[in-house]
Amino acid sequence: MHRDIQLNQWNAVCSLDQIVPDTGVAALLNGRQVAVFRVGAAEPRLFAIDNYDPNSDAAVLSRGIVGSIGERVVVASPIYKQHFDLQTGECLEAPHHSVTSYPVRVEDGKVWVGA
C-alpha cells in the first residue's frame, strides 16, 4: 500500500554510477533504512522503498532480485521471496505487509530520495 509522506527534505544517497543496473543499495535516511533501486542501464529508472521486509522481520529488500510481474517492476525479498512493487511498495502476496515508497530523482549525477 502506497503511503503519502511529508517531504521534509531531499537526501543525497550516492552517485548514479554507484548503483549497478538492476540492483539496489541501502541508505539510512532520517533514521530509517531505505532501499534504492536502479532498473535499466541506458535509461535507468529509479525507485525507493523501505528496506525492511515485514514478512521476514529483516532489513534486506535492497539485496533482493529485481524483475517484473506483468507490467509491475518488483523486487523479490531474498528471504521468503515475496514481491514488492517498486513504484508503490505493495507486497503482492501479502498486501497487509506493504512498505512505504519514496520519490527519487537524479540531479548532477547524484541520486536523491525524498524523506
PDB file of N, CA and C in Angstrom:
ATOM      1  N   MET A   1       0.838  -1.165   0.000  1.00  0.00           N
ATOM      2  CA  MET A   1       0.000   0.000   0.000  1.00  0.00           C
ATOM      3  C   MET A   1       0.885   1.232   0.000  1.00  0.00           C
ATOM      4  N   HIS A   2       0.648   2.117  -0.937  1.00  0.00           N
ATOM      5  CA  HIS A   2       1.423   3.361  -1.006  1.00  0.00           C
ATOM      6  C   HIS A   2       0.953   4.286   0.104  1.00  0.00           C
ATOM      7  N   ARG A   3       1.895   4.851   0.800  1.00  0.00           N
ATOM      8  CA  ARG A   3       1.575   5.798   1.869  1.00  0.00           C
ATOM      9  C   ARG A   3       2.140   7.152   1.472  1.00  0.00           C
ATOM     10  N   ASP A   4       1.324   8.167   1.577  1.00  0.00           N
ATOM     11  CA  ASP A   4       1.820   9.515   1.310  1.00  0.00           C
ATOM     12  C   ASP A   4       2.759   9.922   2.432  1.00  0.00           C
ATOM     13  N   ILE A   5       3.861  10.544   2.062  1.00  0.00           N
ATOM     14  CA  ILE A   5       4.802  11.005   3.076  1.00  0.00           C
ATOM     15  C   ILE A   5       4.962  12.509   2.949  1.00  0.00           C
ATOM     16  N   GLN A   6       5.242  13.132   4.043  1.00  0.00           N
ATOM     17  CA  GLN A   6       5.523  14.555   4.071  1.00  0.00           C
ATOM     18  C   GLN A   6       6.992  14.743   3.717  1.00  0.00           C
ATOM     19  N   LEU A   7       7.259  15.451   2.628  1.00  0.00           N
ATOM     20  CA  LEU A   7       8.648  15.665   2.226  1.00  0.00           C
ATOM     21  C   LEU A   7       9.244  16.813   3.027  1.00  0.00           C
ATOM     22  N   ASN A   8      10.127  16.475   3.948  1.00  0.00           N
ATOM     23  CA  ASN A   8      10.826  17.489   4.715  1.00  0.00           C
ATOM     24  C   ASN A   8      12.106  17.902   4.012  1.00  0.00           C
ATOM     25  N   GLN A   9      12.705  16.949   3.287  1.00  0.00           N
ATOM     26  CA  GLN A   9      13.962  17.253   2.626  1.00  0.00           C
ATOM     27  C   GLN A   9      14.294  16.170   1.613  1.00  0.00           C
ATOM     28  N   TRP A  10      15.174  16.525   0.702  1.00  0.00           N
ATOM     29  CA  TRP A  10      15.743  15.548  -0.227  1.00  0.00           C
ATOM     30  C   TRP A  10      17.106  15.174   0.316  1.00  0.00           C
ATOM     31  N   ASN A  11      17.423  13.902   0.265  1.00  0.00           N
ATOM     32  CA  ASN A  11      18.681  13.390   0.805  1.00  0.00           C
ATOM     33  C   ASN A  11      19.518  12.780  -0.304  1.00  0.00           C
ATOM     34  N   ALA A  12      20.775  13.212  -0.428  1.00  0.00           N
ATOM     35  CA  ALA A  12      21.692  12.606  -1.394  1.00  0.00           C
ATOM     36  C   ALA A  12      22.077  11.231  -0.873  1.00  0.00           C
ATOM     37  N   VAL A  13      21.961  10.215  -1.737  1.00  0.00           N
ATOM     38  CA  VAL A  13      22.253   8.841  -1.339  1.00  0.00           C
ATOM     39  C   VAL A  13      23.622   8.408  -1.849  1.00  0.00           C
ATOM     40  N   CYS A  14      23.853   8.570  -3.143  1.00  0.00           N
ATOM     41  CA  CYS A  14      25.106   8.162  -3.777  1.00  0.00           C
ATOM     42  C   CYS A  14      25.084   8.678  -5.204  1.00  0.00           C
ATOM     43  N   SER A  15      26.150   8.430  -5.943  1.00  0.00           N
ATOM     44  CA  SER A  15      26.122   8.774  -7.357  1.00  0.00           C
ATOM     45  C   SER A  15      25.389   7.666  -8.104  1.00  0.00           C
ATOM     46  N   LEU A  16      24.782   8.004  -9.215  1.00  0.00           N
ATOM     47  CA  LEU A  16      24.053   7.019 -10.008  1.00  0.00           C
ATOM     48  C   LEU A  16      24.959   5.868 -10.416  1.00  0.00           C
ATOM     49  N   ASP A  17      26.198   6.164 -10.746  1.00  0.00           N
ATOM     50  CA  ASP A  17      27.143   5.127 -11.181  1.00  0.00           C
ATOM     51  C   ASP A  17      27.479   4.120 -10.089  1.00  0.00           C
ATOM     52  N   GLN A  18      27.185   4.443  -8.834  1.00  0.00           N
ATOM     53  CA  GLN A  18      27.479   3.519  -7.745  1.00  0.00           C
ATOM     54  C   GLN A  18      26.406   2.436  -7.570  1.00  0.00           C
ATOM     55  N   ILE A  19      25.305   2.557  -8.291  1.00  0.00           N
ATOM     56  CA  ILE A  19      24.265   1.529  -8.231  1.00  0.00           C
ATOM     57  C   ILE A  19      24.347   0.719  -9.524  1.00  0.00           C
ATOM     58  N   VAL A  20      24.688  -0.532  -9.409  1.00  0.00           N
ATOM     59  CA  VAL A  20      24.766  -1.428 -10.567  1.00  0.00           C
ATOM     60  C   VAL A  20      23.361  -1.579 -11.151  1.00  0.00           C
ATOM     61  N   PRO A  21      23.211  -1.510 -12.482  1.00  0.00           N
ATOM     62  CA  PRO A  21      21.873  -1.666 -13.065  1.00  0.00           C
ATOM     63  C   PRO A  21      21.177  -2.944 -12.583  1.00  0.00           C
ATOM     64  N   ASP A  22      19.886  -2.802 -12.321  1.00  0.00           N
ATOM     65  CA  ASP A  22      19.007  -3.895 -11.888  1.00  0.00           C
ATOM     66  C   ASP A  22      19.362  -4.450 -10.524  1.00  0.00           C
ATOM     67  N   THR A  23      19.869  -3.561  -9.652  1.00  0.00           N
ATOM     68  CA  THR A  23      20.140  -3.920  -8.260  1.00  0.00           C
ATOM     69  C   THR A  23      19.716  -2.761  -7.367  1.00  0.00           C
ATOM     70  N   GLY A  24      19.893  -2.965  -6.068  1.00  0.00           N
ATOM     71  CA  GLY A  24      19.571  -1.928  -5.105  1.00  0.00           C
ATOM     72  C   GLY A  24      20.699  -1.696  -4.127  1.00  0.00           C
ATOM     73  N   VAL A  25      20.613  -0.577  -3.423  1.00  0.00           N
ATOM     74  CA  VAL A  25      21.529  -0.251  -2.339  1.00  0.00           C
ATOM     75  C   VAL A  25      20.689   0.207  -1.153  1.00  0.00           C
ATOM     76  N   ALA A  26      21.242   0.086   0.039  1.00  0.00           N
ATOM     77  CA  ALA A  26      20.554   0.552   1.242  1.00  0.00           C
ATOM     78  C   ALA A  26      21.147   1.883   1.679  1.00  0.00           C
ATOM     79  N   ALA A  27      20.281   2.747   2.198  1.00  0.00           N
ATOM     80  CA  ALA A  27      20.718   4.041   2.710  1.00  0.00           C
ATOM     81  C   ALA A  27      19.953   4.325   3.999  1.00  0.00           C
ATOM     82  N   LEU A  28      20.596   5.026   4.908  1.00  0.00           N
ATOM     83  CA  LEU A  28      19.961   5.426   6.153  1.00  0.00           C
ATOM     84  C   LEU A  28      19.541   6.876   6.010  1.00  0.00           C
ATOM     85  N   LEU A  29      18.231   7.126   6.020  1.00  0.00           N
ATOM     86  CA  LEU A  29      17.690   8.469   5.851  1.00  0.00           C
ATOM     87  C   LEU A  29      16.812   8.815   7.044  1.00  0.00           C
ATOM     88  N   ASN A  30      17.219   9.806   7.788  1.00  0.00           N
ATOM     89  CA  ASN A  30      16.448  10.236   8.953  1.00  0.00           C
ATOM     90  C   ASN A  30      16.155   9.073   9.896  1.00  0.00           C
ATOM     91  N   GLY A  31      17.126   8.194  10.079  1.00  0.00           N
ATOM     92  CA  GLY A  31      16.971   7.067  10.985  1.00  0.00           C
ATOM     93  C   GLY A  31      16.191   5.892  10.425  1.00  0.00           C
ATOM     94  N   ARG A  32      15.845   5.935   9.150  1.00  0.00           N
ATOM     95  CA  ARG A  32      15.062   4.875   8.525  1.00  0.00           C
ATOM     96  C   ARG A  32      15.862   4.267   7.369  1.00  0.00           C
ATOM     97  N   GLN A  33      15.903   2.927   7.291  1.00  0.00           N
ATOM     98  CA  GLN A  33      16.597   2.268   6.184  1.00  0.00           C
ATOM     99  C   GLN A  33      15.716   2.276   4.941  1.00  0.00           C
ATOM    100  N   VAL A  34      16.279   2.767   3.844  1.00  0.00           N
ATOM    101  CA  VAL A  34      15.568   2.849   2.576  1.00  0.00           C
ATOM    102  C   VAL A  34      16.366   2.074   1.534  1.00  0.00           C
ATOM    103  N   ALA A  35      15.666   1.306   0.701  1.00  0.00           N
ATOM    104  CA  ALA A  35      16.288   0.574  -0.410  1.00  0.00           C
ATOM    105  C   ALA A  35      16.071   1.376  -1.685  1.00  0.00           C
ATOM    106  N   VAL A  36      17.163   1.688  -2.377  1.00  0.00           N
ATOM    107  CA  VAL A  36      17.115   2.478  -3.610  1.00  0.00           C
ATOM    108  C   VAL A  36      17.527   1.562  -4.755  1.00  0.00           C
ATOM    109  N   PHE A  37      16.689   1.487  -5.795  1.00  0.00           N
ATOM    110  CA  PHE A  37      16.911   0.575  -6.917  1.00  0.00           C
ATOM    111  C   PHE A  37      17.111   1.333  -8.216  1.00  0.00           C
ATOM    112  N   ARG A  38      18.032   0.816  -9.019  1.00  0.00           N
ATOM    113  CA  ARG A  38      18.262   1.309 -10.371  1.00  0.00           C
ATOM    114  C   ARG A  38      17.838   0.194 -11.320  1.00  0.00           C
ATOM    115  N   VAL A  39      16.867   0.490 -12.165  1.00  0.00           N
ATOM    116  CA  VAL A  39      16.361  -0.504 -13.110  1.00  0.00           C
ATOM    117  C   VAL A  39      16.698  -0.039 -14.521  1.00  0.00           C
ATOM    118  N   GLY A  40      17.494  -0.847 -15.222  1.00  0.00           N
ATOM    119  CA  GLY A  40      17.934  -0.499 -16.569  1.00  0.00           C
ATOM    120  C   GLY A  40      19.277   0.201 -16.539  1.00  0.00           C
ATOM    121  N   ALA A  41      19.953   0.176 -17.696  1.00  0.00           N
ATOM    122  CA  ALA A  41      21.285   0.766 -17.779  1.00  0.00           C
ATOM    123  C   ALA A  41      21.294   2.038 -18.617  1.00  0.00           C
ATOM    124  N   ALA A  42      20.843   1.936 -19.874  1.00  0.00           N
ATOM    125  CA  ALA A  42      20.928   3.070 -20.791  1.00  0.00           C
ATOM    126  C   ALA A  42      20.042   4.229 -20.333  1.00  0.00           C
ATOM    127  N   GLU A  43      18.802   3.932 -19.985  1.00  0.00           N
ATOM    128  CA  GLU A  43      17.866   4.938 -19.485  1.00  0.00           C
ATOM    129  C   GLU A  43      17.325   4.442 -18.149  1.00  0.00           C
ATOM    130  N   PRO A  44      18.110   4.571 -17.086  1.00  0.00           N
ATOM    131  CA  PRO A  44      17.717   3.975 -15.810  1.00  0.00           C
ATOM    132  C   PRO A  44      16.480   4.630 -15.207  1.00  0.00           C
ATOM    133  N   ARG A  45      15.665   3.782 -14.566  1.00  0.00           N
ATOM    134  CA  ARG A  45      14.555   4.252 -13.739  1.00  0.00           C
ATOM    135  C   ARG A  45      14.944   3.966 -12.298  1.00  0.00           C
ATOM    136  N   LEU A  46      14.607   4.889 -11.422  1.00  0.00           N
ATOM    137  CA  LEU A  46      14.977   4.757 -10.014  1.00  0.00           C
ATOM    138  C   LEU A  46      13.726   4.633  -9.154  1.00  0.00           C
ATOM    139  N   PHE A  47      13.858   3.823  -8.109  1.00  0.00           N
ATOM    140  CA  PHE A  47      12.771   3.589  -7.176  1.00  0.00           C
ATOM    141  C   PHE A  47      13.349   3.546  -5.771  1.00  0.00           C
ATOM    142  N   ALA A  48      12.522   3.873  -4.777  1.00  0.00           N
ATOM    143  CA  ALA A  48      12.941   3.747  -3.380  1.00  0.00           C
ATOM    144  C   ALA A  48      11.755   3.272  -2.548  1.00  0.00           C
ATOM    145  N   ILE A  49      12.018   2.260  -1.729  1.00  0.00           N
ATOM    146  CA  ILE A  49      11.031   1.731  -0.794  1.00  0.00           C
ATOM    147  C   ILE A  49      11.741   1.462   0.526  1.00  0.00           C
ATOM    148  N   ASP A  50      10.963   1.193   1.570  1.00  0.00           N
ATOM    149  CA  ASP A  50      11.590   0.793   2.829  1.00  0.00           C
ATOM    150  C   ASP A  50      12.471  -0.426   2.590  1.00  0.00           C
ATOM    151  N   ASN A  51      13.574  -0.515   3.284  1.00  0.00           N
ATOM    152  CA  ASN A  51      14.463  -1.668   3.182  1.00  0.00           C
ATOM    153  C   ASN A  51      13.973  -2.824   4.056  1.00  0.00           C
ATOM    154  N   TYR A  52      13.131  -2.529   5.021  1.00  0.00           N
ATOM    155  CA  TYR A  52      12.640  -3.515   5.983  1.00  0.00           C
ATOM    156  C   TYR A  52      11.558  -4.395   5.358  1.00  0.00           C
ATOM    157  N   ASP A  53      11.753  -5.700   5.413  1.00  0.00           N
ATOM    158  CA  ASP A  53      10.766  -6.670   4.929  1.00  0.00           C
ATOM    159  C   ASP A  53       9.947  -7.150   6.123  1.00  0.00           C
ATOM    160  N   PRO A  54       8.678  -6.743   6.222  1.00  0.00           N
ATOM    161  CA  PRO A  54       7.869  -7.149   7.366  1.00  0.00           C
ATOM    162  C   PRO A  54       7.541  -8.642   7.387  1.00  0.00           C
ATOM    163  N   ASN A  55       7.677  -9.330   6.272  1.00  0.00           N
ATOM    164  CA  ASN A  55       7.409 -10.767   6.227  1.00  0.00           C
ATOM    165  C   ASN A  55       8.489 -11.556   6.953  1.00  0.00           C
ATOM    166  N   SER A  56       9.734 -11.103   6.855  1.00  0.00           N
ATOM    167  CA  SER A  56      10.848 -11.819   7.480  1.00  0.00           C
ATOM    168  C   SER A  56      11.404 -11.092   8.704  1.00  0.00           C
ATOM    169  N   ASP A  57      10.893  -9.891   8.962  1.00  0.00           N
ATOM    170  CA  ASP A  57      11.358  -9.073  10.087  1.00  0.00           C
ATOM    171  C   ASP A  57      12.857  -8.775   9.965  1.00  0.00           C
ATOM    172  N   ALA A  58      13.279  -8.441   8.728  1.00  0.00           N
ATOM    173  CA  ALA A  58      14.697  -8.161   8.477  1.00  0.00           C
ATOM    174  C   ALA A  58      14.832  -7.031   7.445  1.00  0.00           C
ATOM    175  N   ALA A  59      15.882  -6.250   7.555  1.00  0.00           N
ATOM    176  CA  ALA A  59      16.165  -5.159   6.619  1.00  0.00           C
ATOM    177  C   ALA A  59      16.990  -5.711   5.456  1.00  0.00           C
ATOM    178  N   VAL A  60      16.313  -6.265   4.440  1.00  0.00           N
ATOM    179  CA  VAL A  60      17.001  -6.989   3.370  1.00  0.00           C
ATOM    180  C   VAL A  60      16.522  -6.670   1.953  1.00  0.00           C
ATOM    181  N   LEU A  61      15.520  -5.829   1.786  1.00  0.00           N
ATOM    182  CA  LEU A  61      14.945  -5.663   0.446  1.00  0.00           C
ATOM    183  C   LEU A  61      15.942  -5.133  -0.571  1.00  0.00           C
ATOM    184  N   SER A  62      16.911  -4.331  -0.153  1.00  0.00           N
ATOM    185  CA  SER A  62      17.911  -3.811  -1.101  1.00  0.00           C
ATOM    186  C   SER A  62      18.744  -4.934  -1.716  1.00  0.00           C
ATOM    187  N   ARG A  63      18.762  -6.106  -1.091  1.00  0.00           N
ATOM    188  CA  ARG A  63      19.524  -7.253  -1.595  1.00  0.00           C
ATOM    189  C   ARG A  63      18.678  -8.211  -2.424  1.00  0.00           C
ATOM    190  N   GLY A  64      17.423  -7.848  -2.658  1.00  0.00           N
ATOM    191  CA  GLY A  64      16.519  -8.722  -3.392  1.00  0.00           C
ATOM    192  C   GLY A  64      16.792  -8.737  -4.884  1.00  0.00           C
ATOM    193  N   ILE A  65      16.078  -9.618  -5.565  1.00  0.00           N
ATOM    194  CA  ILE A  65      16.210  -9.779  -7.017  1.00  0.00           C
ATOM    195  C   ILE A  65      15.167  -8.904  -7.703  1.00  0.00           C
ATOM    196  N   VAL A  66      15.632  -8.040  -8.607  1.00  0.00           N
ATOM    197  CA  VAL A  66      14.759  -7.127  -9.340  1.00  0.00           C
ATOM    198  C   VAL A  66      14.245  -7.824 -10.596  1.00  0.00           C
ATOM    199  N   GLY A  67      12.961  -7.666 -10.863  1.00  0.00           N
ATOM    200  CA  GLY A  67      12.359  -8.253 -12.059  1.00  0.00           C
ATOM    201  C   GLY A  67      11.017  -7.606 -12.326  1.00  0.00           C
ATOM    202  N   SER A  68      10.152  -8.332 -13.009  1.00  0.00           N
ATOM    203  CA  SER A  68       8.818  -7.796 -13.292  1.00  0.00           C
ATOM    204  C   SER A  68       7.795  -8.919 -13.214  1.00  0.00           C
ATOM    205  N   ILE A  69       6.605  -8.527 -12.853  1.00  0.00           N
ATOM    206  CA  ILE A  69       5.440  -9.408 -12.885  1.00  0.00           C
ATOM    207  C   ILE A  69       4.403  -8.642 -13.686  1.00  0.00           C
ATOM    208  N   GLY A  70       4.154  -9.090 -14.906  1.00  0.00           N
ATOM    209  CA  GLY A  70       3.297  -8.316 -15.802  1.00  0.00           C
ATOM    210  C   GLY A  70       3.952  -6.980 -16.085  1.00  0.00           C
ATOM    211  N   GLU A  71       3.212  -5.908 -15.871  1.00  0.00           N
ATOM    212  CA  GLU A  71       3.734  -4.556 -16.093  1.00  0.00           C
ATOM    213  C   GLU A  71       4.405  -3.973 -14.851  1.00  0.00           C
ATOM    214  N   ARG A  72       4.384  -4.704 -13.760  1.00  0.00           N
ATOM    215  CA  ARG A  72       4.912  -4.181 -12.499  1.00  0.00           C
ATOM    216  C   ARG A  72       6.391  -4.517 -12.331  1.00  0.00           C
ATOM    217  N   VAL A  73       7.175  -3.498 -11.973  1.00  0.00           N
ATOM    218  CA  VAL A  73       8.581  -3.697 -11.642  1.00  0.00           C
ATOM    219  C   VAL A  73       8.623  -4.024 -10.150  1.00  0.00           C
ATOM    220  N   VAL A  74       9.256  -5.144  -9.813  1.00  0.00           N
ATOM    221  CA  VAL A  74       9.223  -5.636  -8.436  1.00  0.00           C
ATOM    222  C   VAL A  74      10.610  -6.030  -7.957  1.00  0.00           C
ATOM    223  N   VAL A  75      10.714  -6.180  -6.638  1.00  0.00           N
ATOM    224  CA  VAL A  75      11.879  -6.811  -6.031  1.00  0.00           C
ATOM    225  C   VAL A  75      11.353  -7.995  -5.229  1.00  0.00           C
ATOM    226  N   ALA A  76      12.043  -9.128  -5.349  1.00  0.00           N
ATOM    227  CA  ALA A  76      11.707 -10.314  -4.563  1.00  0.00           C
ATOM    228  C   ALA A  76      12.588 -10.316  -3.324  1.00  0.00           C
ATOM    229  N   SER A  77      11.972 -10.382  -2.173  1.00  0.00           N
ATOM    230  CA  SER A  77      12.741 -10.415  -0.931  1.00  0.00           C
ATOM    231  C   SER A  77      13.661 -11.626  -0.934  1.00  0.00           C
ATOM    232  N   PRO A  78      14.914 -11.459  -0.491  1.00  0.00           N
ATOM    233  CA  PRO A  78      15.848 -12.580  -0.510  1.00  0.00           C
ATOM    234  C   PRO A  78      15.541 -13.667   0.538  1.00  0.00           C
ATOM    235  N   ILE A  79      14.621 -13.400   1.450  1.00  0.00           N
ATOM    236  CA  ILE A  79      14.352 -14.395   2.490  1.00  0.00           C
ATOM    237  C   ILE A  79      13.200 -15.313   2.093  1.00  0.00           C
ATOM    238  N   TYR A  80      11.966 -14.779   2.038  1.00  0.00           N
ATOM    239  CA  TYR A  80      10.807 -15.624   1.720  1.00  0.00           C
ATOM    240  C   TYR A  80      10.276 -15.413   0.314  1.00  0.00           C
ATOM    241  N   LYS A  81      10.906 -14.534  -0.458  1.00  0.00           N
ATOM    242  CA  LYS A  81      10.623 -14.314  -1.878  1.00  0.00           C
ATOM    243  C   LYS A  81       9.312 -13.578  -2.179  1.00  0.00           C
ATOM    244  N   GLN A  82       8.708 -12.905  -1.194  1.00  0.00           N
ATOM    245  CA  GLN A  82       7.548 -12.084  -1.520  1.00  0.00           C
ATOM    246  C   GLN A  82       7.985 -10.958  -2.443  1.00  0.00           C
ATOM    247  N   HIS A  83       7.079 -10.530  -3.312  1.00  0.00           N
ATOM    248  CA  HIS A  83       7.378  -9.498  -4.298  1.00  0.00           C
ATOM    249  C   HIS A  83       6.801  -8.160  -3.847  1.00  0.00           C
ATOM    250  N   PHE A  84       7.645  -7.125  -3.929  1.00  0.00           N
ATOM    251  CA  PHE A  84       7.232  -5.775  -3.591  1.00  0.00           C
ATOM    252  C   PHE A  84       7.279  -4.915  -4.850  1.00  0.00           C
ATOM    253  N   ASP A  85       6.164  -4.240  -5.147  1.00  0.00           N
ATOM    254  CA  ASP A  85       6.091  -3.323  -6.279  1.00  0.00           C
ATOM    255  C   ASP A  85       6.997  -2.133  -5.970  1.00  0.00           C
ATOM    256  N   LEU A  86       7.952  -1.852  -6.844  1.00  0.00           N
ATOM    257  CA  LEU A  86       8.911  -0.775  -6.582  1.00  0.00           C
ATOM    258  C   LEU A  86       8.290   0.612  -6.721  1.00  0.00           C
ATOM    259  N   GLN A  87       7.198   0.723  -7.446  1.00  0.00           N
ATOM    260  CA  GLN A  87       6.534   2.021  -7.601  1.00  0.00           C
ATOM    261  C   GLN A  87       5.702   2.372  -6.365  1.00  0.00           C
ATOM    262  N   THR A  88       4.997   1.390  -5.826  1.00  0.00           N
ATOM    263  CA  THR A  88       4.033   1.658  -4.759  1.00  0.00           C
ATOM    264  C   THR A  88       4.418   1.093  -3.396  1.00  0.00           C
ATOM    265  N   GLY A  89       5.307   0.102  -3.353  1.00  0.00           N
ATOM    266  CA  GLY A  89       5.646  -0.568  -2.110  1.00  0.00           C
ATOM    267  C   GLY A  89       4.718  -1.713  -1.751  1.00  0.00           C
ATOM    268  N   GLU A  90       3.719  -1.975  -2.587  1.00  0.00           N
ATOM    269  CA  GLU A  90       2.748  -3.031  -2.290  1.00  0.00           C
ATOM    270  C   GLU A  90       3.406  -4.406  -2.301  1.00  0.00           C
ATOM    271  N   CYS A  91       3.126  -5.196  -1.279  1.00  0.00           N
ATOM    272  CA  CYS A  91       3.545  -6.595  -1.252  1.00  0.00           C
ATOM    273  C   CYS A  91       2.466  -7.387  -1.977  1.00  0.00           C
ATOM    274  N   LEU A  92       2.816  -7.987  -3.109  1.00  0.00           N
ATOM    275  CA  LEU A  92       1.809  -8.635  -3.950  1.00  0.00           C
ATOM    276  C   LEU A  92       1.169  -9.842  -3.282  1.00  0.00           C
ATOM    277  N   GLU A  93       1.933 -10.607  -2.541  1.00  0.00           N
ATOM    278  CA  GLU A  93       1.404 -11.813  -1.912  1.00  0.00           C
ATOM    279  C   GLU A  93       0.704 -11.527  -0.578  1.00  0.00           C
ATOM    280  N   ALA A  94       1.084 -10.461   0.091  1.00  0.00           N
ATOM    281  CA  ALA A  94       0.514 -10.132   1.409  1.00  0.00           C
ATOM    282  C   ALA A  94       0.363  -8.609   1.509  1.00  0.00           C
ATOM    283  N   PRO A  95      -0.675  -8.043   0.891  1.00  0.00           N
ATOM    284  CA  PRO A  95      -0.819  -6.585   0.857  1.00  0.00           C
ATOM    285  C   PRO A  95      -0.768  -5.915   2.231  1.00  0.00           C
ATOM    286  N   HIS A  96      -1.137  -6.635   3.274  1.00  0.00           N
ATOM    287  CA  HIS A  96      -1.073  -6.047   4.621  1.00  0.00           C
ATOM    288  C   HIS A  96       0.375  -5.877   5.094  1.00  0.00           C
ATOM    289  N   HIS A  97       1.339  -6.416   4.340  1.00  0.00           N
ATOM    290  CA  HIS A  97       2.766  -6.250   4.643  1.00  0.00           C
ATOM    291  C   HIS A  97       3.456  -5.319   3.643  1.00  0.00           C
ATOM    292  N   SER A  98       2.685  -4.431   3.037  1.00  0.00           N
ATOM    293  CA  SER A  98       3.265  -3.475   2.093  1.00  0.00           C
ATOM    294  C   SER A  98       4.173  -2.493   2.831  1.00  0.00           C
ATOM    295  N   VAL A  99       5.069  -1.858   2.082  1.00  0.00           N
ATOM    296  CA  VAL A  99       6.031  -0.914   2.654  1.00  0.00           C
ATOM    297  C   VAL A  99       5.852   0.460   2.015  1.00  0.00           C
ATOM    298  N   THR A 100       6.482   1.444   2.587  1.00  0.00           N
ATOM    299  CA  THR A 100       6.399   2.812   2.077  1.00  0.00           C
ATOM    300  C   THR A 100       7.297   2.979   0.857  1.00  0.00           C
ATOM    301  N   SER A 101       6.810   3.724  -0.130  1.00  0.00           N
ATOM    302  CA  SER A 101       7.639   4.086  -1.281  1.00  0.00           C
ATOM    303  C   SER A 101       7.976   5.571  -1.167  1.00  0.00           C
ATOM    304  N   TYR A 102       9.087   5.957  -1.789  1.00  0.00           N
ATOM    305  CA  TYR A 102       9.596   7.323  -1.684  1.00  0.00           C
ATOM    306  C   TYR A 102       9.899   7.874  -3.069  1.00  0.00           C
ATOM    307  N   PRO A 103       9.778   9.193  -3.242  1.00  0.00           N
ATOM    308  CA  PRO A 103      10.174   9.793  -4.518  1.00  0.00           C
ATOM    309  C   PRO A 103      11.691   9.791  -4.667  1.00  0.00           C
ATOM    310  N   VAL A 104      12.142   9.636  -5.902  1.00  0.00           N
ATOM    311  CA  VAL A 104      13.578   9.602  -6.208  1.00  0.00           C
ATOM    312  C   VAL A 104      13.831  10.490  -7.421  1.00  0.00           C
ATOM    313  N   ARG A 105      14.982  11.140  -7.425  1.00  0.00           N
ATOM    314  CA  ARG A 105      15.382  11.934  -8.594  1.00  0.00           C
ATOM    315  C   ARG A 105      16.893  11.853  -8.756  1.00  0.00           C
ATOM    316  N   VAL A 106      17.358  12.165  -9.950  1.00  0.00           N
ATOM    317  CA  VAL A 106      18.788  12.262 -10.222  1.00  0.00           C
ATOM    318  C   VAL A 106      19.075  13.708 -10.599  1.00  0.00           C
ATOM    319  N   GLU A 107      20.088  14.261  -9.966  1.00  0.00           N
ATOM    320  CA  GLU A 107      20.483  15.630 -10.242  1.00  0.00           C
ATOM    321  C   GLU A 107      22.006  15.699 -10.217  1.00  0.00           C
ATOM    322  N   ASP A 108      22.592  16.154 -11.331  1.00  0.00           N
ATOM    323  CA  ASP A 108      24.053  16.258 -11.451  1.00  0.00           C
ATOM    324  C   ASP A 108      24.745  14.937 -11.142  1.00  0.00           C
ATOM    325  N   GLY A 109      24.128  13.826 -11.586  1.00  0.00           N
ATOM    326  CA  GLY A 109      24.726  12.509 -11.408  1.00  0.00           C
ATOM    327  C   GLY A 109      24.540  11.900 -10.034  1.00  0.00           C
ATOM    328  N   LYS A 110      23.883  12.620  -9.114  1.00  0.00           N
ATOM    329  CA  LYS A 110      23.635  12.111  -7.769  1.00  0.00           C
ATOM    330  C   LYS A 110      22.184  11.648  -7.641  1.00  0.00           C
ATOM    331  N   VAL A 111      21.986  10.588  -6.860  1.00  0.00           N
ATOM    332  CA  VAL A 111      20.661  10.064  -6.578  1.00  0.00           C
ATOM    333  C   VAL A 111      20.165  10.711  -5.294  1.00  0.00           C
ATOM    334  N   TRP A 112      18.937  11.278  -5.357  1.00  0.00           N
ATOM    335  CA  TRP A 112      18.325  11.944  -4.215  1.00  0.00           C
ATOM    336  C   TRP A 112      17.004  11.248  -3.889  1.00  0.00           C
ATOM    337  N   VAL A 113      16.741  11.054  -2.592  1.00  0.00           N
ATOM    338  CA  VAL A 113      15.498  10.433  -2.143  1.00  0.00           C
ATOM    339  C   VAL A 113      14.801  11.422  -1.217  1.00  0.00           C
ATOM    340  N   GLY A 114      13.505  11.604  -1.435  1.00  0.00           N
ATOM    341  CA  GLY A 114      12.707  12.471  -0.576  1.00  0.00           C
ATOM    342  C   GLY A 114      12.219  11.705   0.638  1.00  0.00           C
ATOM    343  N   ALA A 115      12.516  12.215   1.809  1.00  0.00           N
ATOM    344  CA  ALA A 115      12.070  11.556   3.049  1.00  0.00           C
ATOM    345  C   ALA A 115      11.916  12.578   4.151  1.00  0.00           C
TER     346      ALA A 115
END
